[in-house]
Amino acid sequence: MTLHGDASLRCHHCGYSEPAPERCPACGSPELARIGAGTQKLERELAALGTPAPAPSGPGNPWQSPPLPVPDGTTLDAIEAVFRSWSVNSEPVGHLDAYVDDSFWRFLHTWSLVRDAGGPALELGSNPYFTTHLLDTYTGLDLTLANYYGQTGTFAETVSFLPEPGADRVEIKRAGETFNVEQDEFPYQDGRFSVVLFCEMLEHLLMDPLATLGQIHRVLEPGGTLVLTTPNVARIDNVMALVHGTNMYDPYSGHGPYGRHNREYTRHELHRLLEFAGFDVEQSFTADGHAYHPERWPRRAGVEPLIEYRKEDLGHYLFVKARAVRPAHPGLPSFLYRSYPDQIVDF
């Protein structure tokens, strides 16, 4: 669950939302409307602990998100305007604005990893189709879409938007398969895709991410590309939350066990997991989905010098581009699994 703008807390996976306050419960600041990453829960915990006195002004922000990529022939403002006109299945325009507030930069960084790619591609977890739109419009990929809504089968949804101010609304049909990515065999033949996008799903898995990566490997052609994005458990806001005595874990979800983040990763862990699963990482970085606001952390001046050495690993999201180059290692790696006595291997 993540704070999106001043409208609601909204889950990346299932879309569940609840109202968010207009001001910080701890200090009354309207900045709460823009600071993201589970902040409503965090600020409540800060308030319960008592708000510490602000620290003296300290060093500059140790984390700077990478420059934003922009497709040729458009602008950031133009893409954002399209997304703010978005409607899925006739929901009111603006219903997803809070999601755009939180994740707009993430959509662009994801697109950039395959900006020059072409051929058949599978996008897992495509709803609400913002990244789908960028892939359709600004790459040569031929997309197959998949979602998981709790029931195996198919889906058909309608997206509408304004391609530019004053234009007529455009409607696009989005359809594909639904299945459980860690329990079901993917309904595609071996080697069908040159690219698979597995974005903002890994953190929701309950039991066996290697099963999912095994299916992705199977449906990729030899040497095919995996694009994986997932929240970075070592992001700067989580570091600051723990230093300030607050919890960084997701709350329980009324949408069941898949409705929350069950396991987040560091960049190093993600590299190890992909290597075990038969992938070679070609590119990886961390980046934010929206502007980071360090000024809300009272003790930031004392913490920032301690984490400056790992400033490349502090972004909200992990972004990885990898190639399927060899069979997966047998067994289950000891750094990620336990209580499988006959399958655990040191790795």
Protein backbone atom coordinates (compact mmCIF):
# COMPACT_ATOMS: atom_id res chain seq x y z
CA MET A 1 0.00 0.00 0.00
CA THR A 2 1.44 3.34 -1.02
CA LEU A 3 0.33 6.91 -0.60
CA HIS A 4 -0.65 8.45 -3.92
CA GLY A 5 -1.04 12.21 -3.90
CA ASP A 6 -3.65 13.79 -1.67
CA ALA A 7 -6.48 11.44 -2.60
CA SER A 8 -5.89 7.99 -1.19
CA LEU A 9 -3.69 5.15 -0.17
CA ARG A 10 -3.67 2.78 -3.13
CA CYS A 11 -2.15 -0.66 -3.68
CA HIS A 12 -0.07 -1.09 -6.87
CA HIS A 13 -1.35 -4.67 -7.23
CA CYS A 14 -5.08 -4.72 -6.64
CA GLY A 15 -6.14 -1.08 -6.75
CA TYR A 16 -7.64 -1.06 -3.24
CA SER A 17 -7.69 2.47 -1.83
CA GLU A 18 -8.70 4.32 1.31
CA PRO A 19 -8.89 8.07 2.06
CA ALA A 20 -5.68 9.81 3.09
CA PRO A 21 -5.53 12.92 5.31
CA GLU A 22 -4.88 16.31 3.77
CA ARG A 23 -2.24 17.12 6.40
CA CYS A 24 0.38 15.24 8.36
CA PRO A 25 -1.08 13.88 11.63
CA ALA A 26 2.27 14.54 13.31
CA CYS A 27 3.00 18.15 12.38
CA GLY A 28 0.06 19.41 10.30
CA SER A 29 2.17 19.88 7.18
CA PRO A 30 0.36 19.80 3.81
CA GLU A 31 3.50 18.09 2.42
CA LEU A 32 1.80 14.79 3.29
CA ALA A 33 -0.06 15.16 0.02
CA ARG A 34 3.10 14.50 -1.97
CA ILE A 35 5.57 12.40 -0.04
CA GLY A 36 4.54 8.82 -0.86
CA ALA A 37 5.78 5.39 0.25
CA GLY A 38 3.38 4.43 3.03
CA THR A 39 3.62 7.84 4.65
CA GLN A 40 0.20 7.96 6.27
CA LYS A 41 1.02 4.94 8.44
CA LEU A 42 4.51 6.24 9.11
CA GLU A 43 3.32 9.70 10.20
CA ARG A 44 0.79 8.16 12.56
CA GLU A 45 3.59 6.19 14.19
CA LEU A 46 5.76 9.31 14.44
CA ALA A 47 2.90 11.13 16.10
CA ALA A 48 2.44 8.30 18.62
CA LEU A 49 6.15 8.46 19.48
CA GLY A 50 6.19 12.24 19.78
CA THR A 51 7.65 14.37 17.03
CA PRO A 52 11.37 15.02 17.66
CA ALA A 53 12.76 18.52 17.41
CA PRO A 54 13.92 19.26 13.85
CA ALA A 55 17.59 18.54 13.28
CA PRO A 56 19.91 21.37 12.24
CA SER A 57 20.25 21.81 8.52
CA GLY A 58 22.67 19.17 7.37
CA PRO A 59 24.28 17.91 4.18
CA GLY A 60 22.45 17.82 0.90
CA ASN A 61 20.16 14.99 -0.07
CA PRO A 62 22.44 11.93 -0.60
CA TRP A 63 20.04 10.41 -3.08
CA GLN A 64 19.37 11.78 -6.55
CA SER A 65 17.09 9.80 -8.86
CA PRO A 66 18.51 9.25 -12.38
CA PRO A 67 17.44 11.64 -15.16
CA LEU A 68 14.00 10.93 -16.55
CA PRO A 69 13.90 9.37 -20.02
CA VAL A 70 11.44 10.95 -22.46
CA PRO A 71 10.25 9.33 -25.71
CA ASP A 72 11.10 11.18 -28.91
CA GLY A 73 8.38 13.44 -30.25
CA THR A 74 6.66 14.15 -26.94
CA THR A 75 7.21 15.78 -23.56
CA LEU A 76 6.79 14.79 -19.93
CA ASP A 77 3.90 17.23 -19.61
CA ALA A 78 2.13 15.76 -22.63
CA ILE A 79 2.42 12.18 -21.32
CA GLU A 80 1.28 13.22 -17.86
CA ALA A 81 -1.74 15.01 -19.35
CA VAL A 82 -2.71 11.81 -21.19
CA PHE A 83 -2.44 9.78 -17.98
CA ARG A 84 -4.50 12.31 -16.01
CA SER A 85 -7.30 11.93 -18.57
CA TRP A 86 -7.24 8.13 -18.01
CA SER A 87 -10.28 5.97 -17.39
CA VAL A 88 -10.44 2.18 -17.12
CA ASN A 89 -13.86 0.59 -17.64
CA SER A 90 -15.63 3.98 -17.48
CA GLU A 91 -14.32 4.91 -14.05
CA PRO A 92 -14.40 8.68 -13.47
CA VAL A 93 -11.54 10.64 -15.02
CA GLY A 94 -9.09 11.48 -12.23
CA HIS A 95 -9.68 8.26 -10.33
CA LEU A 96 -6.09 7.21 -11.03
CA ASP A 97 -4.44 10.62 -10.59
CA ALA A 98 -3.03 9.60 -7.22
CA TYR A 99 -1.39 6.59 -8.85
CA VAL A 100 0.15 8.89 -11.46
CA ASP A 101 1.40 11.17 -8.67
CA ASP A 102 3.23 8.26 -7.08
CA SER A 103 4.49 6.23 -10.04
CA PHE A 104 4.74 8.45 -13.14
CA TRP A 105 8.54 8.39 -13.15
CA ARG A 106 8.53 4.60 -12.69
CA PHE A 107 6.48 4.10 -15.87
CA LEU A 108 9.08 6.08 -17.85
CA HIS A 109 12.10 4.29 -16.40
CA THR A 110 10.44 0.95 -17.18
CA TRP A 111 9.75 1.98 -20.77
CA SER A 112 13.36 3.14 -21.18
CA LEU A 113 14.69 -0.40 -20.59
CA VAL A 114 13.04 -1.59 -23.83
CA ARG A 115 12.77 1.69 -25.74
CA ASP A 116 14.60 0.22 -28.77
CA ALA A 117 13.13 -3.28 -28.54
CA GLY A 118 10.82 -5.04 -30.97
CA GLY A 119 9.15 -8.41 -31.38
CA PRO A 120 6.63 -10.36 -29.31
CA ALA A 121 6.45 -9.30 -25.66
CA LEU A 122 4.49 -10.40 -22.60
CA GLU A 123 3.51 -7.77 -20.02
CA LEU A 124 2.57 -9.44 -16.74
CA GLY A 125 0.34 -7.36 -14.45
CA SER A 126 -0.56 -4.83 -17.13
CA ASN A 127 -3.59 -3.14 -15.47
CA PRO A 128 -4.11 -0.11 -15.30
CA TYR A 129 -2.18 0.04 -18.59
CA PHE A 130 -0.01 3.14 -18.19
CA THR A 131 3.18 1.26 -19.00
CA THR A 132 1.24 -0.63 -21.67
CA HIS A 133 0.46 2.68 -23.35
CA LEU A 134 4.12 3.72 -23.39
CA LEU A 135 5.18 0.34 -24.78
CA ASP A 136 2.47 0.41 -27.45
CA THR A 137 3.15 3.98 -28.50
CA TYR A 138 6.92 4.31 -28.19
CA THR A 139 8.39 0.84 -28.89
CA GLY A 140 8.15 -1.76 -31.64
CA LEU A 141 6.95 -4.46 -29.26
CA ASP A 142 3.95 -6.62 -30.13
CA LEU A 143 2.26 -6.95 -26.73
CA THR A 144 0.46 -9.84 -25.10
CA LEU A 145 -1.14 -8.84 -21.79
CA ALA A 146 -1.71 -10.79 -18.59
CA ASN A 147 -3.18 -9.98 -15.18
CA TYR A 148 -3.95 -11.84 -11.98
CA TYR A 149 -7.25 -11.02 -10.31
CA GLY A 150 -7.68 -14.23 -8.33
CA GLN A 151 -9.30 -16.35 -11.03
CA THR A 152 -7.73 -18.13 -13.98
CA GLY A 153 -9.29 -17.21 -17.31
CA THR A 154 -9.34 -14.16 -19.55
CA PHE A 155 -10.05 -10.45 -19.17
CA ALA A 156 -11.33 -7.69 -21.45
CA GLU A 157 -11.20 -4.07 -20.33
CA THR A 158 -11.62 -0.66 -21.96
CA VAL A 159 -9.18 2.21 -21.51
CA SER A 160 -10.11 5.71 -22.64
CA PHE A 161 -8.04 8.91 -22.64
CA LEU A 162 -7.47 12.25 -24.36
CA PRO A 163 -4.50 11.97 -26.75
CA GLU A 164 -4.07 15.75 -26.50
CA PRO A 165 -6.01 18.69 -25.00
CA GLY A 166 -9.22 19.40 -26.87
CA ALA A 167 -9.16 16.12 -28.81
CA ASP A 168 -11.89 13.49 -28.77
CA ARG A 169 -11.47 10.66 -26.30
CA VAL A 170 -9.81 7.54 -27.61
CA GLU A 171 -10.97 4.08 -26.51
CA ILE A 172 -8.67 1.06 -26.60
CA LYS A 173 -9.65 -2.50 -25.76
CA ARG A 174 -7.19 -4.37 -23.56
CA ALA A 175 -7.56 -8.14 -23.33
CA GLY A 176 -5.50 -11.12 -22.28
CA GLU A 177 -5.16 -13.98 -19.81
CA THR A 178 -5.48 -14.07 -16.03
CA PHE A 179 -3.57 -16.62 -13.97
CA ASN A 180 -1.61 -17.01 -10.76
CA VAL A 181 2.00 -16.36 -11.75
CA GLU A 182 3.55 -18.50 -9.01
CA GLN A 183 1.14 -21.43 -9.07
CA ASP A 184 -0.08 -21.79 -12.66
CA GLU A 185 1.79 -22.77 -15.79
CA PHE A 186 1.77 -19.76 -18.09
CA PRO A 187 -0.63 -20.39 -21.01
CA TYR A 188 2.05 -19.75 -23.65
CA GLN A 189 4.36 -22.02 -25.62
CA ASP A 190 8.08 -22.30 -24.95
CA GLY A 191 10.21 -19.51 -26.40
CA ARG A 192 7.23 -17.47 -27.61
CA PHE A 193 8.45 -14.04 -26.45
CA SER A 194 11.54 -11.96 -27.01
CA VAL A 195 10.69 -9.74 -24.00
CA VAL A 196 8.81 -10.35 -20.75
CA LEU A 197 7.95 -7.46 -18.42
CA PHE A 198 7.45 -8.51 -14.80
CA CYS A 199 6.76 -5.22 -13.05
CA GLU A 200 5.51 -4.56 -9.49
CA MET A 201 4.52 -8.19 -8.93
CA LEU A 202 7.53 -9.90 -7.36
CA GLU A 203 6.90 -8.21 -3.99
CA HIS A 204 3.38 -9.70 -3.85
CA LEU A 205 4.46 -13.33 -4.26
CA LEU A 206 3.82 -15.59 -1.30
CA MET A 207 5.87 -18.75 -1.61
CA ASP A 208 8.00 -19.35 -4.66
CA PRO A 209 9.44 -16.58 -6.85
CA LEU A 210 11.65 -19.15 -8.59
CA ALA A 211 8.55 -20.89 -9.93
CA THR A 212 7.49 -17.62 -11.56
CA LEU A 213 10.96 -16.89 -12.92
CA GLY A 214 11.09 -20.45 -14.25
CA GLN A 215 7.91 -19.87 -16.24
CA ILE A 216 9.23 -16.54 -17.51
CA HIS A 217 12.46 -18.26 -18.57
CA ARG A 218 10.45 -20.98 -20.36
CA VAL A 219 8.34 -18.59 -22.44
CA LEU A 220 11.34 -16.39 -23.36
CA GLU A 221 13.35 -17.24 -26.45
CA PRO A 222 17.01 -18.12 -25.76
CA GLY A 223 18.76 -14.88 -24.86
CA GLY A 224 15.40 -13.13 -24.45
CA THR A 225 15.01 -10.06 -22.24
CA LEU A 226 13.39 -9.88 -18.82
CA VAL A 227 12.48 -6.45 -17.45
CA LEU A 228 11.77 -6.63 -13.73
CA THR A 229 10.80 -3.78 -11.42
CA THR A 230 9.97 -4.04 -7.73
CA PRO A 231 10.12 -1.79 -4.63
CA ASN A 232 13.58 -1.46 -3.09
CA VAL A 233 13.47 -2.59 0.53
CA ALA A 234 16.68 -0.61 1.17
CA ARG A 235 15.23 2.68 -0.14
CA ILE A 236 16.04 5.85 1.73
CA ASP A 237 12.55 6.22 3.23
CA ASN A 238 12.77 2.73 4.77
CA VAL A 239 16.19 3.55 6.22
CA MET A 240 14.82 6.77 7.68
CA ALA A 241 11.70 5.04 9.01
CA LEU A 242 13.73 2.51 10.99
CA VAL A 243 16.06 5.20 12.34
CA HIS A 244 13.02 7.15 13.53
CA GLY A 245 11.56 4.08 15.23
CA THR A 246 8.70 3.44 12.83
CA ASN A 247 7.73 0.33 10.89
CA MET A 248 8.46 -0.11 7.19
CA TYR A 249 6.26 -3.17 6.53
CA ASP A 250 2.98 -3.20 4.62
CA PRO A 251 -0.26 -3.48 6.63
CA TYR A 252 -2.58 -6.45 6.28
CA SER A 253 -4.94 -6.20 3.33
CA GLY A 254 -8.64 -6.78 3.00
CA HIS A 255 -7.85 -8.08 -0.49
CA GLY A 256 -6.17 -11.18 0.86
CA PRO A 257 -2.55 -12.31 1.01
CA TYR A 258 -1.73 -11.09 -2.50
CA GLY A 259 -3.09 -7.63 -1.68
CA ARG A 260 0.05 -6.59 0.22
CA HIS A 261 3.82 -6.60 -0.25
CA ASN A 262 4.91 -9.94 1.16
CA ARG A 263 8.65 -9.80 0.44
CA GLU A 264 10.68 -6.85 -0.87
CA TYR A 265 14.29 -7.12 -2.08
CA THR A 266 17.61 -5.33 -2.11
CA ARG A 267 19.38 -4.86 -5.42
CA HIS A 268 22.04 -7.40 -4.42
CA GLU A 269 19.39 -10.03 -3.54
CA LEU A 270 17.63 -9.46 -6.84
CA HIS A 271 20.85 -10.01 -8.77
CA ARG A 272 21.47 -13.26 -6.86
CA LEU A 273 17.93 -14.48 -7.44
CA LEU A 274 18.11 -13.82 -11.17
CA GLU A 275 21.51 -15.47 -11.48
CA PHE A 276 20.15 -18.56 -9.72
CA ALA A 277 17.16 -18.59 -12.10
CA GLY A 278 19.36 -18.63 -15.22
CA PHE A 279 19.53 -14.92 -16.07
CA ASP A 280 22.46 -12.57 -16.56
CA VAL A 281 21.81 -9.00 -15.41
CA GLU A 282 22.70 -6.50 -18.14
CA GLN A 283 21.51 -3.33 -16.44
CA SER A 284 20.21 -2.41 -13.01
CA PHE A 285 19.60 0.78 -11.07
CA THR A 286 17.35 2.28 -8.42
CA ALA A 287 15.10 5.27 -9.05
CA ASP A 288 12.13 7.04 -7.52
CA GLY A 289 8.58 7.06 -8.86
CA HIS A 290 8.01 10.64 -7.71
CA ALA A 291 9.93 13.44 -6.00
CA TYR A 292 11.60 12.53 -2.71
CA HIS A 293 11.02 14.93 0.20
CA PRO A 294 13.80 14.45 2.77
CA GLU A 295 12.86 17.52 4.77
CA ARG A 296 10.13 15.66 6.67
CA TRP A 297 12.67 13.47 8.51
CA PRO A 298 13.73 15.23 11.73
CA ARG A 299 16.98 13.23 12.10
CA ARG A 300 18.04 13.28 8.47
CA ALA A 301 21.15 15.42 9.03
CA GLY A 302 22.67 12.73 11.24
CA VAL A 303 21.72 9.84 8.98
CA GLU A 304 22.61 11.10 5.53
CA PRO A 305 26.42 11.05 5.97
CA LEU A 306 26.19 7.40 7.05
CA ILE A 307 24.41 6.29 3.87
CA GLU A 308 26.11 8.51 1.32
CA TYR A 309 28.45 5.64 0.36
CA ARG A 310 25.48 3.65 -0.97
CA LYS A 311 23.67 6.52 -2.63
CA GLU A 312 23.19 4.51 -5.83
CA ASP A 313 20.99 2.02 -3.95
CA LEU A 314 18.55 4.36 -2.17
CA GLY A 315 15.83 4.81 -4.80
CA HIS A 316 12.25 3.70 -4.22
CA TYR A 317 12.25 1.09 -7.00
CA LEU A 318 14.65 -1.49 -8.39
CA PHE A 319 14.92 -1.67 -12.19
CA VAL A 320 16.61 -4.66 -13.83
CA LYS A 321 17.13 -5.76 -17.42
CA ALA A 322 18.39 -9.35 -17.72
CA ARG A 323 18.87 -12.07 -20.34
CA ALA A 324 17.76 -15.71 -20.18
CA VAL A 325 21.08 -17.38 -20.97
CA ARG A 326 21.24 -20.76 -19.17
CA PRO A 327 19.10 -23.24 -17.22
CA ALA A 328 18.21 -22.38 -13.63
CA HIS A 329 20.43 -23.69 -10.85
CA PRO A 330 18.88 -26.84 -9.27
CA GLY A 331 17.30 -26.57 -5.83
CA LEU A 332 16.35 -23.52 -3.78
CA PRO A 333 18.94 -20.92 -2.70
CA SER A 334 19.66 -20.76 1.01
CA PHE A 335 19.68 -16.95 1.10
CA LEU A 336 15.99 -16.82 0.19
CA TYR A 337 14.33 -20.10 1.22
CA ARG A 338 14.11 -22.18 4.40
CA SER A 339 12.25 -25.26 5.66
CA TYR A 340 12.67 -27.16 2.39
CA PRO A 341 15.18 -29.70 3.82
CA ASP A 342 15.71 -31.71 0.63
CA GLN A 343 15.93 -28.76 -1.74
CA ILE A 344 17.98 -26.02 -0.06
CA VAL A 345 21.41 -25.42 -1.63
CA ASP A 346 24.13 -22.97 -0.63
CA PHE A 347 24.27 -20.08 -3.05
